[in-house]
Amino acid sequence: MIFALAVTCAQSPALGEDNETQMCRQLDQPDAAITACTQLIDSKRLGLAKLVDAYIHRGLAQRNKRQFDAALQDEDAALRLDPNSNEALTVRGTIYAIRQEPDAAIHDLDAVLHREPNRVDALAARGAAHGERHDFEAALRDFDLVLRLDPRAAMVYHQRAMIYRLLGRHDRAFPDFETAVRLAPDNAFALTDLASCYFSGLGVGKDQTRAVELLDKAAQMGFPPAKELLVRLHQAKP
């Protein structure tokens, strides 16, 4: 089961914040965010809440660069300063899930969800961790709740579709793959998975023309599985 990296949203910069603090939270520029957060942490001028925030956001930026050991160290540092930080626990839980350490992920995310039962990012990450453990019904419960709370969560439609596919419930997987692509048309993973439904007739009638159309788009993004499936399609032609 592939855990799709979900980016926890940084708080919007507050009015009056200095540029360094704002840059620390800009997760779309992870290198700059890491530099800014490090400068803030090393300045020794932050109060407790802002220091915790800087560690959390540096960890987020490192996680998004797949620097998982450094990210865990920062979330651990944040939790030593504030053991009840749901933000730090959620980020650490997502790191464990990405690293395919589902028991550790679920431990952290259960603690978050005990206090915030409808926290969408924690539910999505816990659902993925349950999927890693092959506890598919628990994964579906978490994903179903996420989609009730956020019906436009494209990544979660994709993850739920993958669970349905593993359960052989292709009639449920196909519409979820379709929705994932409609909401996120540039997601190469979802495009390729939807194409495979058309290619193999899983939950829908076989349609090689539609499969090729989807795979071409994913292949143009440089996605290797799409390129491999395109080769198989061309080899299958009489």
Protein backbone atom coordinates (compact mmCIF):
# COMPACT_ATOMS: atom_id res chain seq x y z
CA MET A 1 0.00 0.00 0.00
CA ILE A 2 1.52 3.30 -1.03
CA PHE A 3 1.05 6.12 1.42
CA ALA A 4 0.46 9.29 -0.55
CA LEU A 5 2.24 12.22 1.03
CA ALA A 6 -0.28 14.62 2.44
CA VAL A 7 0.99 18.06 3.25
CA THR A 8 -0.29 19.44 6.51
CA CYS A 9 -1.30 23.01 5.86
CA ALA A 10 0.78 25.66 7.53
CA GLN A 11 -1.07 28.40 9.32
CA SER A 12 -1.60 31.55 7.30
CA PRO A 13 0.98 34.18 8.22
CA ALA A 14 -0.46 36.59 10.75
CA LEU A 15 -0.37 40.30 10.18
CA GLY A 16 2.69 41.85 11.77
CA GLU A 17 4.82 38.71 11.61
CA ASP A 18 8.40 39.28 10.50
CA ASN A 19 9.56 37.96 7.14
CA GLU A 20 11.61 35.19 8.72
CA THR A 21 8.57 33.79 10.55
CA GLN A 22 6.44 33.96 7.41
CA MET A 23 9.13 32.21 5.34
CA CYS A 24 9.45 29.47 7.97
CA ARG A 25 5.83 28.58 7.19
CA GLN A 26 6.13 28.58 3.39
CA LEU A 27 6.09 24.85 2.75
CA ASP A 28 5.98 25.32 -1.02
CA GLN A 29 9.59 26.54 -0.67
CA PRO A 30 11.03 23.89 1.67
CA ASP A 31 14.70 24.86 1.42
CA ALA A 32 13.95 28.49 2.22
CA ALA A 33 11.57 27.40 5.00
CA ILE A 34 14.24 25.20 6.60
CA THR A 35 16.76 28.05 6.50
CA ALA A 36 14.30 30.54 8.00
CA CYS A 37 13.13 28.15 10.72
CA THR A 38 16.73 27.30 11.63
CA GLN A 39 17.59 30.99 11.96
CA LEU A 40 14.59 31.49 14.24
CA ILE A 41 15.44 28.47 16.40
CA ASP A 42 19.11 29.47 16.68
CA SER A 43 18.27 33.09 17.51
CA LYS A 44 17.29 32.14 21.09
CA ARG A 45 14.75 34.98 21.02
CA LEU A 46 11.52 33.01 20.59
CA GLY A 47 8.94 32.42 23.27
CA LEU A 48 7.75 28.86 23.91
CA ALA A 49 4.80 28.84 21.48
CA LYS A 50 6.79 30.32 18.60
CA LEU A 51 9.74 28.02 19.24
CA VAL A 52 7.42 24.99 19.09
CA ASP A 53 5.93 26.37 15.88
CA ALA A 54 9.39 26.79 14.32
CA TYR A 55 10.37 23.19 15.11
CA ILE A 56 7.05 21.90 13.74
CA HIS A 57 7.40 23.80 10.48
CA ARG A 58 11.04 22.92 9.98
CA GLY A 59 10.04 19.30 10.49
CA LEU A 60 7.24 19.68 7.95
CA ALA A 61 9.61 21.14 5.37
CA GLN A 62 12.11 18.34 6.01
CA ARG A 63 9.37 15.74 5.77
CA ASN A 64 8.28 17.14 2.41
CA LYS A 65 11.90 16.83 1.23
CA ARG A 66 11.82 13.22 2.52
CA GLN A 67 14.48 14.00 5.14
CA PHE A 68 12.61 11.86 7.60
CA ASP A 69 15.21 11.42 10.35
CA ALA A 70 15.74 15.17 10.65
CA ALA A 71 11.98 15.75 10.52
CA LEU A 72 11.37 13.29 13.36
CA GLN A 73 14.05 14.97 15.46
CA ASP A 74 12.30 18.32 15.05
CA GLU A 75 8.84 16.98 15.88
CA ASP A 76 10.34 15.23 18.93
CA ALA A 77 11.89 18.55 19.96
CA ALA A 78 8.52 20.29 19.59
CA LEU A 79 6.84 17.61 21.71
CA ARG A 80 9.46 17.88 24.46
CA LEU A 81 8.56 21.56 24.67
CA ASP A 82 4.80 20.97 24.35
CA PRO A 83 3.78 17.32 24.89
CA ASN A 84 0.16 18.14 24.00
CA SER A 85 0.87 19.65 20.57
CA ASN A 86 -1.62 18.04 18.21
CA GLU A 87 0.18 19.64 15.26
CA ALA A 88 3.53 18.04 16.14
CA LEU A 89 1.90 14.67 16.86
CA THR A 90 0.05 14.77 13.54
CA VAL A 91 3.18 15.59 11.57
CA ARG A 92 5.14 12.88 13.38
CA GLY A 93 2.32 10.42 12.71
CA THR A 94 2.40 11.17 8.99
CA ILE A 95 6.18 10.66 8.95
CA TYR A 96 5.81 7.24 10.58
CA ALA A 97 3.07 6.37 8.08
CA ILE A 98 5.22 7.36 5.10
CA ARG A 99 8.10 5.31 6.54
CA GLN A 100 5.74 2.33 6.76
CA GLU A 101 5.80 2.23 10.54
CA PRO A 102 2.02 2.00 10.98
CA ASP A 103 1.95 1.06 14.68
CA ALA A 104 3.93 4.18 15.64
CA ALA A 105 1.79 6.29 13.29
CA ILE A 106 -1.48 5.03 14.73
CA HIS A 107 -0.22 5.57 18.30
CA ASP A 108 0.42 9.26 17.61
CA LEU A 109 -2.68 9.82 15.50
CA ASP A 110 -4.99 8.10 18.01
CA ALA A 111 -3.78 10.60 20.63
CA VAL A 112 -4.57 13.50 18.29
CA LEU A 113 -7.99 12.17 17.33
CA HIS A 114 -8.92 11.54 20.95
CA ARG A 115 -8.71 15.32 21.41
CA GLU A 116 -9.78 16.37 17.88
CA PRO A 117 -12.01 13.62 16.47
CA ASN A 118 -12.68 15.43 13.21
CA ARG A 119 -9.13 16.49 12.38
CA VAL A 120 -8.96 15.69 8.67
CA ASP A 121 -5.19 15.40 8.19
CA ALA A 122 -4.85 13.06 11.17
CA LEU A 123 -7.78 10.91 9.98
CA ALA A 124 -6.30 10.65 6.47
CA ALA A 125 -2.89 9.67 7.80
CA ARG A 126 -4.38 7.11 10.22
CA GLY A 127 -6.43 5.62 7.39
CA ALA A 128 -3.25 5.16 5.36
CA ALA A 129 -1.51 3.57 8.37
CA HIS A 130 -4.43 1.14 8.81
CA GLY A 131 -4.06 0.30 5.12
CA GLU A 132 -0.38 -0.51 5.65
CA ARG A 133 -1.45 -2.97 8.37
CA HIS A 134 -4.03 -4.50 6.00
CA ASP A 135 -6.76 -3.41 8.43
CA PHE A 136 -8.84 -2.37 5.47
CA GLU A 137 -12.16 -1.84 7.24
CA ALA A 138 -10.53 0.55 9.72
CA ALA A 139 -8.89 2.37 6.81
CA LEU A 140 -12.25 2.72 5.06
CA ARG A 141 -13.87 4.11 8.22
CA ASP A 142 -11.22 6.82 8.45
CA PHE A 143 -11.35 7.66 4.75
CA ASP A 144 -15.17 7.75 4.77
CA LEU A 145 -15.13 10.25 7.63
CA VAL A 146 -12.51 12.41 5.89
CA LEU A 147 -14.66 12.57 2.76
CA ARG A 148 -17.76 13.50 4.76
CA LEU A 149 -15.79 16.35 6.32
CA ASP A 150 -13.95 17.34 3.11
CA PRO A 151 -15.67 16.05 -0.05
CA ARG A 152 -12.94 17.54 -2.24
CA ALA A 153 -10.04 15.60 -0.70
CA ALA A 154 -8.79 14.12 -3.98
CA MET A 155 -5.91 12.17 -2.43
CA VAL A 156 -8.28 10.39 -0.04
CA TYR A 157 -10.59 9.31 -2.87
CA HIS A 158 -7.51 7.80 -4.48
CA GLN A 159 -6.44 6.06 -1.27
CA ARG A 160 -9.95 4.72 -0.65
CA ALA A 161 -10.06 3.43 -4.23
CA MET A 162 -6.81 1.55 -3.63
CA ILE A 163 -8.34 -0.13 -0.57
CA TYR A 164 -11.44 -1.12 -2.55
CA ARG A 165 -9.20 -2.52 -5.30
CA LEU A 166 -7.28 -4.63 -2.77
CA LEU A 167 -10.63 -5.94 -1.49
CA GLY A 168 -11.71 -6.79 -5.05
CA ARG A 169 -14.55 -4.26 -4.87
CA HIS A 170 -13.88 -2.77 -8.29
CA ASP A 171 -17.40 -1.34 -8.57
CA ARG A 172 -16.48 0.96 -5.67
CA ALA A 173 -12.85 1.54 -6.68
CA PHE A 174 -13.59 2.82 -10.19
CA PRO A 175 -15.83 5.78 -9.22
CA ASP A 176 -13.33 6.81 -6.54
CA PHE A 177 -10.48 6.77 -9.06
CA GLU A 178 -12.67 8.82 -11.40
CA THR A 179 -13.41 11.38 -8.69
CA ALA A 180 -9.75 11.58 -7.70
CA VAL A 181 -8.80 12.42 -11.30
CA ARG A 182 -11.63 14.92 -11.68
CA LEU A 183 -10.55 16.77 -8.53
CA ALA A 184 -6.80 16.49 -9.21
CA PRO A 185 -6.31 16.04 -12.98
CA ASP A 186 -2.52 16.34 -12.70
CA ASN A 187 -2.10 13.45 -10.24
CA ALA A 188 -0.08 10.92 -12.25
CA PHE A 189 -0.76 8.13 -9.74
CA ALA A 190 -4.53 8.55 -10.00
CA LEU A 191 -4.42 8.90 -13.79
CA THR A 192 -2.49 5.64 -14.09
CA ASP A 193 -4.76 3.76 -11.70
CA LEU A 194 -7.86 4.97 -13.53
CA ALA A 195 -6.26 3.95 -16.84
CA SER A 196 -5.63 0.47 -15.46
CA CYS A 197 -9.36 0.16 -14.74
CA TYR A 198 -10.14 0.88 -18.40
CA PHE A 199 -7.28 -1.34 -19.57
CA SER A 200 -8.41 -4.38 -17.53
CA GLY A 201 -12.15 -3.74 -17.40
CA LEU A 202 -12.21 -3.37 -13.61
CA GLY A 203 -15.47 -1.73 -12.56
CA VAL A 204 -16.01 -0.40 -16.08
CA GLY A 205 -16.06 -1.75 -19.63
CA LYS A 206 -12.68 -2.12 -21.29
CA ASP A 207 -11.72 0.98 -23.26
CA GLN A 208 -8.15 1.01 -24.53
CA THR A 209 -8.59 4.40 -26.20
CA ARG A 210 -9.46 6.01 -22.86
CA ALA A 211 -6.68 4.08 -21.13
CA VAL A 212 -4.09 5.38 -23.60
CA GLU A 213 -5.39 8.93 -23.24
CA LEU A 214 -4.96 8.83 -19.46
CA LEU A 215 -1.59 7.09 -19.63
CA ASP A 216 -0.24 9.54 -22.18
CA LYS A 217 -0.98 12.38 -19.79
CA ALA A 218 0.69 10.59 -16.86
CA ALA A 219 3.66 9.56 -19.00
CA GLN A 220 4.20 13.16 -20.07
CA MET A 221 4.68 13.93 -16.37
CA GLY A 222 7.53 11.41 -16.32
CA PHE A 223 5.64 8.77 -14.30
CA PRO A 224 7.38 5.39 -14.96
CA PRO A 225 4.39 3.07 -14.27
CA ALA A 226 2.37 4.97 -16.89
CA LYS A 227 5.14 4.49 -19.44
CA GLU A 228 5.34 0.76 -18.62
CA LEU A 229 1.58 0.29 -19.00
CA LEU A 230 1.65 2.13 -22.31
CA VAL A 231 4.24 -0.37 -23.56
CA ARG A 232 1.99 -3.24 -22.46
CA LEU A 233 -0.96 -1.68 -24.28
CA HIS A 234 1.00 -1.35 -27.50
CA GLN A 235 2.29 -4.93 -27.21
CA ALA A 236 -1.26 -6.19 -26.70
CA LYS A 237 -2.47 -4.67 -29.96
CA PRO A 238 -2.92 -7.26 -32.75
